[in-house]
Amino acid sequence: MDYVYDLTIYKSGVTMINGSHDGYPWHEIYRYDSSWKTLYTYSASGSSPTSLAPPMDIDFGYYQ
């Protein structure tokens, strides 16, 4: 799986993620701050292992 993520967490707790990844397999990004919090979930439904071939299929951004 190819992926590129830029993750920034500020002292205030604000979290920013920008990145790209292949369209397969399913995966998640978590953050622990006194408890686990799911920041990003990718569901690869409808995809197959052929989505692992270049280029990266998914671009995303997260801000909270």
C-alpha atoms as a PDB file:
ATOM      1  CA  MET A   1       0.000   0.000   0.000  1.00  0.00           C
ATOM      2  CA  ASP A   2       1.312   3.440  -0.926  1.00  0.00           C
ATOM      3  CA  TYR A   3       0.411   6.417   1.240  1.00  0.00           C
ATOM      4  CA  VAL A   4       1.575   9.938   2.033  1.00  0.00           C
ATOM      5  CA  TYR A   5       0.127  11.680   5.098  1.00  0.00           C
ATOM      6  CA  ASP A   6       0.937  15.057   6.626  1.00  0.00           C
ATOM      7  CA  LEU A   7      -0.396  15.133  10.194  1.00  0.00           C
ATOM      8  CA  THR A   8      -0.300  18.221  12.444  1.00  0.00           C
ATOM      9  CA  ILE A   9      -1.616  18.344  16.012  1.00  0.00           C
ATOM     10  CA  TYR A  10      -1.616  21.739  17.699  1.00  0.00           C
ATOM     11  CA  LYS A  11      -1.405  22.370  21.459  1.00  0.00           C
ATOM     12  CA  SER A  12      -5.030  23.520  21.324  1.00  0.00           C
ATOM     13  CA  GLY A  13      -6.004  20.007  20.184  1.00  0.00           C
ATOM     14  CA  VAL A  14      -6.823  20.993  16.604  1.00  0.00           C
ATOM     15  CA  THR A  15      -5.802  18.174  14.249  1.00  0.00           C
ATOM     16  CA  MET A  16      -5.136  18.487  10.516  1.00  0.00           C
ATOM     17  CA  ILE A  17      -4.380  15.627   8.125  1.00  0.00           C
ATOM     18  CA  ASN A  18      -3.785  15.891   4.384  1.00  0.00           C
ATOM     19  CA  GLY A  19      -2.717  13.039   2.198  1.00  0.00           C
ATOM     20  CA  SER A  20      -3.094  10.519  -0.557  1.00  0.00           C
ATOM     21  CA  HIS A  21      -3.331   6.739  -0.545  1.00  0.00           C
ATOM     22  CA  ASP A  22      -4.192   3.748  -2.683  1.00  0.00           C
ATOM     23  CA  GLY A  23      -7.821   2.731  -3.054  1.00  0.00           C
ATOM     24  CA  TYR A  24      -7.234  -0.568  -1.257  1.00  0.00           C
ATOM     25  CA  PRO A  25      -7.252  -1.905   1.534  1.00  0.00           C
ATOM     26  CA  TRP A  26      -9.512  -0.519   4.248  1.00  0.00           C
ATOM     27  CA  HIS A  27      -7.617   1.425   6.915  1.00  0.00           C
ATOM     28  CA  GLU A  28      -8.030   3.970   9.708  1.00  0.00           C
ATOM     29  CA  ILE A  29      -6.034   6.699  11.469  1.00  0.00           C
ATOM     30  CA  TYR A  30      -6.405   7.118  15.238  1.00  0.00           C
ATOM     31  CA  ARG A  31      -5.310   9.638  17.831  1.00  0.00           C
ATOM     32  CA  TYR A  32      -4.943   9.016  21.552  1.00  0.00           C
ATOM     33  CA  ASP A  33      -5.769  11.925  23.856  1.00  0.00           C
ATOM     34  CA  SER A  34      -6.937  10.313  27.125  1.00  0.00           C
ATOM     35  CA  SER A  35      -9.013   7.988  24.909  1.00  0.00           C
ATOM     36  CA  TRP A  36      -8.784   6.683  21.343  1.00  0.00           C
ATOM     37  CA  LYS A  37     -10.444   8.783  18.663  1.00  0.00           C
ATOM     38  CA  THR A  38     -10.884   7.763  15.019  1.00  0.00           C
ATOM     39  CA  LEU A  39      -9.697  10.599  12.790  1.00  0.00           C
ATOM     40  CA  TYR A  40     -10.033   8.984   9.371  1.00  0.00           C
ATOM     41  CA  THR A  41     -11.638   5.812   8.043  1.00  0.00           C
ATOM     42  CA  TYR A  42     -11.320   4.600   4.471  1.00  0.00           C
ATOM     43  CA  SER A  43     -13.755   1.958   3.287  1.00  0.00           C
ATOM     44  CA  ALA A  44     -12.510   0.165   0.190  1.00  0.00           C
ATOM     45  CA  SER A  45     -15.889  -1.319  -0.693  1.00  0.00           C
ATOM     46  CA  GLY A  46     -16.058  -1.907  -4.422  1.00  0.00           C
ATOM     47  CA  SER A  47     -12.256  -1.849  -4.703  1.00  0.00           C
ATOM     48  CA  SER A  48      -9.885  -4.730  -5.282  1.00  0.00           C
ATOM     49  CA  PRO A  49      -6.155  -5.376  -4.923  1.00  0.00           C
ATOM     50  CA  THR A  50      -5.692  -3.899  -8.405  1.00  0.00           C
ATOM     51  CA  SER A  51      -6.204  -0.514  -6.701  1.00  0.00           C
ATOM     52  CA  LEU A  52      -2.737  -0.985  -5.181  1.00  0.00           C
ATOM     53  CA  ALA A  53      -1.160  -0.220  -8.574  1.00  0.00           C
ATOM     54  CA  PRO A  54      -0.005   3.357  -9.276  1.00  0.00           C
ATOM     55  CA  PRO A  55      -1.179   6.037  -9.093  1.00  0.00           C
ATOM     56  CA  MET A  56      -2.583   6.668  -5.608  1.00  0.00           C
ATOM     57  CA  ASP A  57      -6.361   6.861  -6.016  1.00  0.00           C
ATOM     58  CA  ILE A  58      -7.547   8.856  -3.015  1.00  0.00           C
ATOM     59  CA  ASP A  59      -6.730  12.427  -1.913  1.00  0.00           C
ATOM     60  CA  PHE A  60      -8.225  13.641   1.358  1.00  0.00           C
ATOM     61  CA  GLY A  61      -8.108  16.301   4.017  1.00  0.00           C
ATOM     62  CA  TYR A  62      -9.310  16.289   7.626  1.00  0.00           C
ATOM     63  CA  TYR A  63      -9.636  19.182  10.042  1.00  0.00           C
ATOM     64  CA  GLN A  64     -11.040  19.169  13.572  1.00  0.00           C
END
